Amino acid sequence: MDNIDKQIVTILQENARTPLKVIAGKVFLSSPAVSARIERLEKEGIITGYHAAVNPLKLGYHITAFINLEMEPVQKSEFYPFVDECPHVIECNCVTGHYSMLLKVAFPNTIELDTFIGQLQKFGRTSTQIVFSTSVEHRGINVNIEEDKNR
């Protein structure tokens, strides 16, 4: 990735709906050249998708929580399909430490969260933290790695 690719990725992370013409103007290339670069970045797996950011509260999800799950590695083959089918799971990560899985979930209320935790406990012990507020929302990856090394 050169500096122009990094600028394009940064622009798209800020707003994936930025028109090609606007991106082209910011990186001083033609729209077809920017389109070709975006296509290449997609084929290389650098750009993996385009998403809309939504407000969970406006959609009725008033509870966001992180659930730690202590689970044996042999259970992964059963756990992964289970968790993949759970619509309230926003993210599931296999992590190091005492717990082996970290899930981010969103639910309308604590009753539904409690029911889900009960279902999870067939895989192992859980520990749950309910989010009160978020000071830094999900944001893109800083692609200006060279700049950060010089700071």
N, C-alpha and C. Protein backbone atom coordinates (compact mmCIF):
# COMPACT_ATOMS: atom_id res chain seq x y z
N MET A 1 0.84 -1.18 0.00
CA MET A 1 0.00 0.00 0.00
C MET A 1 0.89 1.25 0.00
N ASP A 2 0.62 2.13 -0.94
CA ASP A 2 1.34 3.40 -0.94
C ASP A 2 0.52 4.45 -0.19
N ASN A 3 1.03 5.68 -0.14
CA ASN A 3 0.34 6.74 0.61
C ASN A 3 -1.04 7.06 0.04
N ILE A 4 -1.21 6.95 -1.26
CA ILE A 4 -2.53 7.22 -1.85
C ILE A 4 -3.53 6.16 -1.40
N ASP A 5 -3.10 4.89 -1.42
CA ASP A 5 -3.98 3.81 -0.93
C ASP A 5 -4.37 4.08 0.53
N LYS A 6 -3.41 4.50 1.34
CA LYS A 6 -3.68 4.78 2.76
C LYS A 6 -4.69 5.91 2.90
N GLN A 7 -4.55 6.95 2.05
CA GLN A 7 -5.52 8.06 2.10
C GLN A 7 -6.91 7.56 1.71
N ILE A 8 -6.98 6.72 0.69
CA ILE A 8 -8.28 6.19 0.24
C ILE A 8 -8.92 5.36 1.35
N VAL A 9 -8.14 4.49 1.99
CA VAL A 9 -8.67 3.66 3.07
C VAL A 9 -9.15 4.53 4.23
N THR A 10 -8.39 5.56 4.56
CA THR A 10 -8.78 6.46 5.65
C THR A 10 -10.10 7.17 5.32
N ILE A 11 -10.22 7.66 4.11
CA ILE A 11 -11.45 8.35 3.68
C ILE A 11 -12.64 7.40 3.76
N LEU A 12 -12.47 6.17 3.26
CA LEU A 12 -13.57 5.21 3.26
C LEU A 12 -13.94 4.75 4.67
N GLN A 13 -12.95 4.70 5.57
CA GLN A 13 -13.27 4.34 6.96
C GLN A 13 -14.08 5.44 7.63
N GLU A 14 -13.81 6.69 7.26
CA GLU A 14 -14.56 7.81 7.84
C GLU A 14 -15.98 7.85 7.28
N ASN A 15 -16.13 7.55 5.98
CA ASN A 15 -17.44 7.54 5.34
C ASN A 15 -17.36 6.68 4.08
N ALA A 16 -17.86 5.46 4.18
CA ALA A 16 -17.79 4.52 3.06
C ALA A 16 -18.63 4.96 1.87
N ARG A 17 -19.49 5.96 2.05
CA ARG A 17 -20.33 6.44 0.96
C ARG A 17 -19.74 7.67 0.25
N THR A 18 -18.50 7.99 0.56
CA THR A 18 -17.86 9.13 -0.09
C THR A 18 -17.80 8.88 -1.59
N PRO A 19 -18.32 9.78 -2.40
CA PRO A 19 -18.31 9.57 -3.86
C PRO A 19 -16.88 9.47 -4.41
N LEU A 20 -16.71 8.67 -5.45
CA LEU A 20 -15.41 8.51 -6.10
C LEU A 20 -14.82 9.86 -6.50
N LYS A 21 -15.68 10.73 -7.02
CA LYS A 21 -15.20 12.03 -7.47
C LYS A 21 -14.58 12.83 -6.32
N VAL A 22 -15.18 12.75 -5.14
CA VAL A 22 -14.65 13.46 -3.96
C VAL A 22 -13.32 12.84 -3.53
N ILE A 23 -13.27 11.51 -3.50
CA ILE A 23 -12.01 10.83 -3.14
C ILE A 23 -10.93 11.20 -4.14
N ALA A 24 -11.28 11.16 -5.42
CA ALA A 24 -10.32 11.49 -6.47
C ALA A 24 -9.74 12.88 -6.29
N GLY A 25 -10.60 13.83 -5.93
CA GLY A 25 -10.14 15.19 -5.70
C GLY A 25 -9.19 15.29 -4.52
N LYS A 26 -9.43 14.50 -3.49
CA LYS A 26 -8.59 14.55 -2.30
C LYS A 26 -7.22 13.89 -2.52
N VAL A 27 -7.17 12.89 -3.40
CA VAL A 27 -5.90 12.18 -3.62
C VAL A 27 -5.25 12.56 -4.95
N PHE A 28 -5.86 13.50 -5.66
CA PHE A 28 -5.32 14.03 -6.92
C PHE A 28 -5.16 12.96 -8.00
N LEU A 29 -6.19 12.11 -8.13
CA LEU A 29 -6.25 11.11 -9.19
C LEU A 29 -7.59 11.22 -9.90
N SER A 30 -7.72 10.53 -11.01
CA SER A 30 -9.01 10.49 -11.70
C SER A 30 -9.93 9.50 -10.98
N SER A 31 -11.23 9.65 -11.20
CA SER A 31 -12.19 8.72 -10.60
C SER A 31 -11.94 7.28 -11.02
N PRO A 32 -11.67 7.01 -12.33
CA PRO A 32 -11.38 5.62 -12.72
C PRO A 32 -10.13 5.06 -12.02
N ALA A 33 -9.12 5.90 -11.80
CA ALA A 33 -7.91 5.44 -11.12
C ALA A 33 -8.23 5.08 -9.66
N VAL A 34 -9.06 5.90 -9.00
CA VAL A 34 -9.46 5.62 -7.62
C VAL A 34 -10.29 4.35 -7.58
N SER A 35 -11.20 4.19 -8.51
CA SER A 35 -12.03 2.99 -8.58
C SER A 35 -11.17 1.74 -8.73
N ALA A 36 -10.16 1.80 -9.58
CA ALA A 36 -9.26 0.66 -9.78
C ALA A 36 -8.49 0.35 -8.50
N ARG A 37 -8.05 1.38 -7.80
CA ARG A 37 -7.33 1.16 -6.54
C ARG A 37 -8.24 0.53 -5.49
N ILE A 38 -9.47 1.01 -5.39
CA ILE A 38 -10.42 0.44 -4.42
C ILE A 38 -10.68 -1.03 -4.76
N GLU A 39 -10.87 -1.31 -6.03
CA GLU A 39 -11.10 -2.70 -6.46
C GLU A 39 -9.91 -3.58 -6.07
N ARG A 40 -8.69 -3.08 -6.28
CA ARG A 40 -7.49 -3.84 -5.92
C ARG A 40 -7.42 -4.05 -4.41
N LEU A 41 -7.72 -3.00 -3.64
CA LEU A 41 -7.71 -3.12 -2.18
C LEU A 41 -8.74 -4.14 -1.69
N GLU A 42 -9.87 -4.23 -2.37
CA GLU A 42 -10.88 -5.24 -2.04
C GLU A 42 -10.37 -6.63 -2.38
N LYS A 43 -9.79 -6.80 -3.56
CA LYS A 43 -9.28 -8.11 -3.98
C LYS A 43 -8.15 -8.59 -3.08
N GLU A 44 -7.33 -7.66 -2.57
CA GLU A 44 -6.23 -8.01 -1.68
C GLU A 44 -6.70 -8.27 -0.25
N GLY A 45 -7.99 -8.03 0.01
CA GLY A 45 -8.52 -8.28 1.34
C GLY A 45 -8.22 -7.19 2.35
N ILE A 46 -7.74 -6.05 1.88
CA ILE A 46 -7.49 -4.92 2.77
C ILE A 46 -8.82 -4.26 3.13
N ILE A 47 -9.64 -4.00 2.13
CA ILE A 47 -11.02 -3.55 2.36
C ILE A 47 -11.89 -4.80 2.34
N THR A 48 -12.54 -5.07 3.46
CA THR A 48 -13.31 -6.32 3.57
C THR A 48 -14.82 -6.12 3.52
N GLY A 49 -15.27 -4.87 3.52
CA GLY A 49 -16.71 -4.63 3.46
C GLY A 49 -17.03 -3.17 3.74
N TYR A 50 -18.30 -2.85 3.60
CA TYR A 50 -18.80 -1.50 3.84
C TYR A 50 -20.00 -1.62 4.77
N HIS A 51 -20.03 -0.79 5.81
CA HIS A 51 -21.04 -0.94 6.84
C HIS A 51 -21.65 0.40 7.22
N ALA A 52 -22.89 0.35 7.64
CA ALA A 52 -23.55 1.54 8.17
C ALA A 52 -23.44 1.51 9.69
N ALA A 53 -23.09 2.61 10.28
CA ALA A 53 -23.10 2.72 11.74
C ALA A 53 -24.51 3.07 12.17
N VAL A 54 -25.03 2.34 13.15
CA VAL A 54 -26.40 2.59 13.62
C VAL A 54 -26.39 2.86 15.12
N ASN A 55 -27.42 3.53 15.57
CA ASN A 55 -27.58 3.82 16.99
C ASN A 55 -28.42 2.70 17.61
N PRO A 56 -27.81 1.85 18.44
CA PRO A 56 -28.57 0.72 19.00
C PRO A 56 -29.77 1.16 19.84
N LEU A 57 -29.65 2.29 20.54
CA LEU A 57 -30.78 2.77 21.36
C LEU A 57 -32.00 3.06 20.50
N LYS A 58 -31.78 3.66 19.33
CA LYS A 58 -32.90 4.00 18.43
C LYS A 58 -33.56 2.73 17.89
N LEU A 59 -32.83 1.61 17.93
CA LEU A 59 -33.37 0.34 17.45
C LEU A 59 -33.91 -0.52 18.59
N GLY A 60 -33.92 0.04 19.81
CA GLY A 60 -34.49 -0.67 20.94
C GLY A 60 -33.52 -1.52 21.73
N TYR A 61 -32.24 -1.42 21.43
CA TYR A 61 -31.23 -2.20 22.17
C TYR A 61 -30.64 -1.31 23.27
N HIS A 62 -31.16 -1.46 24.47
CA HIS A 62 -30.78 -0.59 25.57
C HIS A 62 -29.64 -1.16 26.43
N ILE A 63 -29.30 -2.42 26.21
CA ILE A 63 -28.25 -3.07 26.99
C ILE A 63 -27.15 -3.57 26.05
N THR A 64 -25.94 -3.04 26.27
CA THR A 64 -24.75 -3.57 25.61
C THR A 64 -23.91 -4.18 26.71
N ALA A 65 -23.35 -5.37 26.44
CA ALA A 65 -22.56 -6.04 27.46
C ALA A 65 -21.40 -6.79 26.82
N PHE A 66 -20.39 -7.04 27.65
CA PHE A 66 -19.28 -7.90 27.28
C PHE A 66 -19.38 -9.13 28.16
N ILE A 67 -19.32 -10.29 27.53
CA ILE A 67 -19.42 -11.54 28.26
C ILE A 67 -18.13 -12.32 28.06
N ASN A 68 -17.47 -12.63 29.17
CA ASN A 68 -16.31 -13.52 29.13
C ASN A 68 -16.81 -14.93 29.33
N LEU A 69 -16.29 -15.86 28.54
CA LEU A 69 -16.70 -17.26 28.63
C LEU A 69 -15.47 -18.14 28.79
N GLU A 70 -15.46 -18.92 29.86
CA GLU A 70 -14.40 -19.90 30.09
C GLU A 70 -14.88 -21.20 29.46
N MET A 71 -14.13 -21.68 28.48
CA MET A 71 -14.59 -22.81 27.69
C MET A 71 -13.40 -23.69 27.31
N GLU A 72 -13.62 -24.97 27.22
CA GLU A 72 -12.57 -25.89 26.77
C GLU A 72 -12.42 -25.80 25.26
N PRO A 73 -11.18 -25.86 24.75
CA PRO A 73 -10.96 -25.76 23.29
C PRO A 73 -11.73 -26.79 22.47
N VAL A 74 -11.98 -27.97 23.03
CA VAL A 74 -12.71 -29.01 22.28
C VAL A 74 -14.16 -28.61 22.02
N GLN A 75 -14.66 -27.60 22.74
CA GLN A 75 -16.04 -27.17 22.56
C GLN A 75 -16.21 -26.18 21.41
N LYS A 76 -15.11 -25.70 20.84
CA LYS A 76 -15.20 -24.70 19.79
C LYS A 76 -16.04 -25.17 18.61
N SER A 77 -15.93 -26.42 18.23
CA SER A 77 -16.68 -26.91 17.07
C SER A 77 -18.19 -26.85 17.29
N GLU A 78 -18.63 -26.94 18.53
CA GLU A 78 -20.05 -26.80 18.85
C GLU A 78 -20.41 -25.33 19.13
N PHE A 79 -19.48 -24.61 19.77
CA PHE A 79 -19.75 -23.23 20.18
C PHE A 79 -19.84 -22.28 19.00
N TYR A 80 -18.89 -22.35 18.06
CA TYR A 80 -18.87 -21.40 16.94
C TYR A 80 -20.16 -21.39 16.14
N PRO A 81 -20.70 -22.54 15.73
CA PRO A 81 -22.00 -22.49 15.02
C PRO A 81 -23.13 -21.92 15.90
N PHE A 82 -23.12 -22.26 17.19
CA PHE A 82 -24.14 -21.73 18.10
C PHE A 82 -24.10 -20.21 18.14
N VAL A 83 -22.91 -19.66 18.40
CA VAL A 83 -22.79 -18.21 18.56
C VAL A 83 -23.00 -17.49 17.23
N ASP A 84 -22.65 -18.12 16.14
CA ASP A 84 -22.84 -17.51 14.81
C ASP A 84 -24.33 -17.31 14.51
N GLU A 85 -25.17 -18.14 15.07
CA GLU A 85 -26.62 -18.05 14.84
C GLU A 85 -27.32 -17.09 15.81
N CYS A 86 -26.60 -16.55 16.77
CA CYS A 86 -27.20 -15.65 17.77
C CYS A 86 -27.20 -14.22 17.24
N PRO A 87 -28.36 -13.67 16.91
CA PRO A 87 -28.42 -12.33 16.31
C PRO A 87 -28.00 -11.20 17.25
N HIS A 88 -27.99 -11.45 18.55
CA HIS A 88 -27.62 -10.40 19.50
C HIS A 88 -26.12 -10.30 19.72
N VAL A 89 -25.36 -11.26 19.18
CA VAL A 89 -23.91 -11.23 19.31
C VAL A 89 -23.35 -10.31 18.24
N ILE A 90 -22.73 -9.22 18.68
CA ILE A 90 -22.14 -8.25 17.76
C ILE A 90 -20.75 -8.68 17.37
N GLU A 91 -20.05 -9.30 18.31
CA GLU A 91 -18.67 -9.69 18.09
C GLU A 91 -18.35 -10.87 18.99
N CYS A 92 -17.51 -11.78 18.51
CA CYS A 92 -17.04 -12.88 19.33
C CYS A 92 -15.56 -13.07 19.03
N ASN A 93 -14.75 -13.02 20.07
CA ASN A 93 -13.31 -13.13 19.92
C ASN A 93 -12.76 -14.24 20.79
N CYS A 94 -11.85 -15.05 20.24
CA CYS A 94 -11.10 -16.02 21.01
C CYS A 94 -9.91 -15.26 21.60
N VAL A 95 -9.76 -15.27 22.92
CA VAL A 95 -8.78 -14.42 23.58
C VAL A 95 -7.86 -15.22 24.50
N THR A 96 -6.78 -14.58 24.91
CA THR A 96 -5.88 -15.19 25.88
C THR A 96 -6.36 -14.87 27.28
N GLY A 97 -5.79 -15.57 28.24
CA GLY A 97 -6.12 -15.29 29.63
C GLY A 97 -7.02 -16.35 30.23
N HIS A 98 -7.60 -16.02 31.36
CA HIS A 98 -8.43 -16.96 32.12
C HIS A 98 -9.66 -17.40 31.31
N TYR A 99 -10.27 -16.45 30.62
CA TYR A 99 -11.42 -16.78 29.77
C TYR A 99 -10.93 -17.01 28.35
N SER A 100 -11.65 -17.83 27.60
CA SER A 100 -11.20 -18.13 26.24
C SER A 100 -11.98 -17.37 25.18
N MET A 101 -13.17 -16.88 25.51
CA MET A 101 -13.98 -16.15 24.55
C MET A 101 -14.44 -14.83 25.17
N LEU A 102 -14.50 -13.81 24.32
CA LEU A 102 -15.04 -12.51 24.73
C LEU A 102 -16.10 -12.13 23.71
N LEU A 103 -17.33 -11.98 24.17
CA LEU A 103 -18.44 -11.64 23.30
C LEU A 103 -18.94 -10.24 23.61
N LYS A 104 -19.26 -9.49 22.57
CA LYS A 104 -19.96 -8.22 22.73
C LYS A 104 -21.38 -8.46 22.24
N VAL A 105 -22.35 -8.11 23.07
CA VAL A 105 -23.75 -8.39 22.75
C VAL A 105 -24.60 -7.14 22.96
N ALA A 106 -25.75 -7.12 22.32
CA ALA A 106 -26.73 -6.04 22.50
C ALA A 106 -28.11 -6.67 22.66
N PHE A 107 -28.84 -6.22 23.69
CA PHE A 107 -30.17 -6.74 23.98
C PHE A 107 -31.11 -5.59 24.34
N PRO A 108 -32.40 -5.81 24.14
CA PRO A 108 -33.37 -4.78 24.53
C PRO A 108 -33.45 -4.58 26.04
N ASN A 109 -33.21 -5.66 26.80
CA ASN A 109 -33.37 -5.58 28.26
C ASN A 109 -32.52 -6.64 28.95
N THR A 110 -32.42 -6.52 30.26
CA THR A 110 -31.59 -7.45 31.03
C THR A 110 -32.21 -8.85 31.12
N ILE A 111 -33.51 -8.95 30.99
CA ILE A 111 -34.16 -10.27 31.04
C ILE A 111 -33.68 -11.12 29.87
N GLU A 112 -33.65 -10.53 28.67
CA GLU A 112 -33.18 -11.28 27.50
C GLU A 112 -31.68 -11.56 27.59
N LEU A 113 -30.92 -10.61 28.13
CA LEU A 113 -29.49 -10.84 28.34
C LEU A 113 -29.29 -12.02 29.29
N ASP A 114 -30.04 -12.05 30.38
CA ASP A 114 -29.92 -13.12 31.36
C ASP A 114 -30.25 -14.48 30.73
N THR A 115 -31.26 -14.53 29.89
CA THR A 115 -31.63 -15.78 29.21
C THR A 115 -30.49 -16.25 28.32
N PHE A 116 -29.87 -15.32 27.59
CA PHE A 116 -28.75 -15.66 26.71
C PHE A 116 -27.55 -16.18 27.52
N ILE A 117 -27.26 -15.52 28.62
CA ILE A 117 -26.16 -15.97 29.47
C ILE A 117 -26.41 -17.39 29.96
N GLY A 118 -27.65 -17.69 30.31
CA GLY A 118 -28.02 -19.05 30.70
C GLY A 118 -27.73 -20.06 29.60
N GLN A 119 -28.00 -19.68 28.34
CA GLN A 119 -27.71 -20.57 27.21
C GLN A 119 -26.20 -20.75 27.03
N LEU A 120 -25.45 -19.68 27.25
CA LEU A 120 -23.98 -19.74 27.12
C LEU A 120 -23.36 -20.65 28.16
N GLN A 121 -23.96 -20.73 29.32
CA GLN A 121 -23.35 -21.45 30.43
C GLN A 121 -23.28 -22.95 30.20
N LYS A 122 -23.93 -23.46 29.17
CA LYS A 122 -23.75 -24.88 28.84
C LYS A 122 -22.33 -25.12 28.30
N PHE A 123 -21.66 -24.02 27.87
CA PHE A 123 -20.30 -24.14 27.36
C PHE A 123 -19.26 -23.89 28.45
N GLY A 124 -19.64 -23.21 29.53
CA GLY A 124 -18.69 -22.95 30.61
C GLY A 124 -19.11 -21.75 31.44
N ARG A 125 -18.21 -21.37 32.35
CA ARG A 125 -18.46 -20.28 33.28
C ARG A 125 -18.40 -18.94 32.56
N THR A 126 -19.26 -18.01 32.95
CA THR A 126 -19.29 -16.69 32.33
C THR A 126 -19.05 -15.60 33.36
N SER A 127 -18.63 -14.45 32.87
CA SER A 127 -18.52 -13.23 33.66
C SER A 127 -18.99 -12.10 32.73
N THR A 128 -19.93 -11.29 33.20
CA THR A 128 -20.55 -10.29 32.34
C THR A 128 -20.35 -8.89 32.88
N GLN A 129 -20.02 -7.97 31.97
CA GLN A 129 -19.94 -6.56 32.29
C GLN A 129 -20.94 -5.81 31.42
N ILE A 130 -21.84 -5.07 32.03
CA ILE A 130 -22.80 -4.27 31.29
C ILE A 130 -22.20 -2.88 31.08
N VAL A 131 -22.33 -2.38 29.87
CA VAL A 131 -21.75 -1.09 29.49
C VAL A 131 -22.68 0.04 29.96
N PHE A 132 -22.12 0.99 30.70
CA PHE A 132 -22.86 2.19 31.10
C PHE A 132 -22.74 3.28 30.04
N SER A 133 -21.52 3.47 29.53
CA SER A 133 -21.30 4.48 28.50
C SER A 133 -20.07 4.09 27.69
N THR A 134 -19.93 4.71 26.53
CA THR A 134 -18.80 4.43 25.64
C THR A 134 -18.14 5.75 25.28
N SER A 135 -16.91 5.93 25.70
CA SER A 135 -16.21 7.18 25.43
C SER A 135 -15.55 7.20 24.06
N VAL A 136 -15.22 6.04 23.52
CA VAL A 136 -14.65 5.94 22.17
C VAL A 136 -15.45 4.89 21.42
N GLU A 137 -16.20 5.34 20.43
CA GLU A 137 -16.97 4.41 19.59
C GLU A 137 -16.04 3.65 18.67
N HIS A 138 -16.55 2.58 18.07
CA HIS A 138 -15.77 1.82 17.11
C HIS A 138 -15.25 2.78 16.04
N ARG A 139 -13.98 2.67 15.75
CA ARG A 139 -13.39 3.54 14.74
C ARG A 139 -12.45 2.71 13.88
N GLY A 140 -12.08 3.29 12.77
CA GLY A 140 -11.23 2.58 11.83
C GLY A 140 -9.81 2.41 12.32
N ILE A 141 -9.05 1.64 11.57
CA ILE A 141 -7.65 1.38 11.86
C ILE A 141 -6.81 2.53 11.30
N ASN A 142 -5.85 3.00 12.08
CA ASN A 142 -4.94 4.04 11.63
C ASN A 142 -3.98 3.42 10.61
N VAL A 143 -4.07 3.83 9.36
CA VAL A 143 -3.23 3.26 8.31
C VAL A 143 -1.93 4.02 8.12
N ASN A 144 -1.74 5.11 8.85
CA ASN A 144 -0.52 5.90 8.75
C ASN A 144 0.51 5.41 9.77
N ILE A 145 0.90 4.15 9.64
CA ILE A 145 1.78 3.50 10.60
C ILE A 145 3.13 4.21 10.66
N GLU A 146 3.68 4.63 9.53
CA GLU A 146 4.98 5.29 9.52
C GLU A 146 4.96 6.58 10.31
N GLU A 147 3.86 7.33 10.22
CA GLU A 147 3.74 8.58 10.99
C GLU A 147 3.76 8.31 12.47
N ASP A 148 3.08 7.22 12.91
CA ASP A 148 3.02 6.90 14.33
C ASP A 148 4.39 6.53 14.89
N LYS A 149 5.24 5.88 14.08
CA LYS A 149 6.56 5.49 14.55
C LYS A 149 7.43 6.71 14.82
N ASN A 150 7.18 7.81 14.10
CA ASN A 150 7.98 9.01 14.25
C ASN A 150 7.52 9.91 15.40
N ARG A 151 6.42 9.59 16.05
CA ARG A 151 5.89 10.44 17.13
C ARG A 151 6.59 10.15 18.43
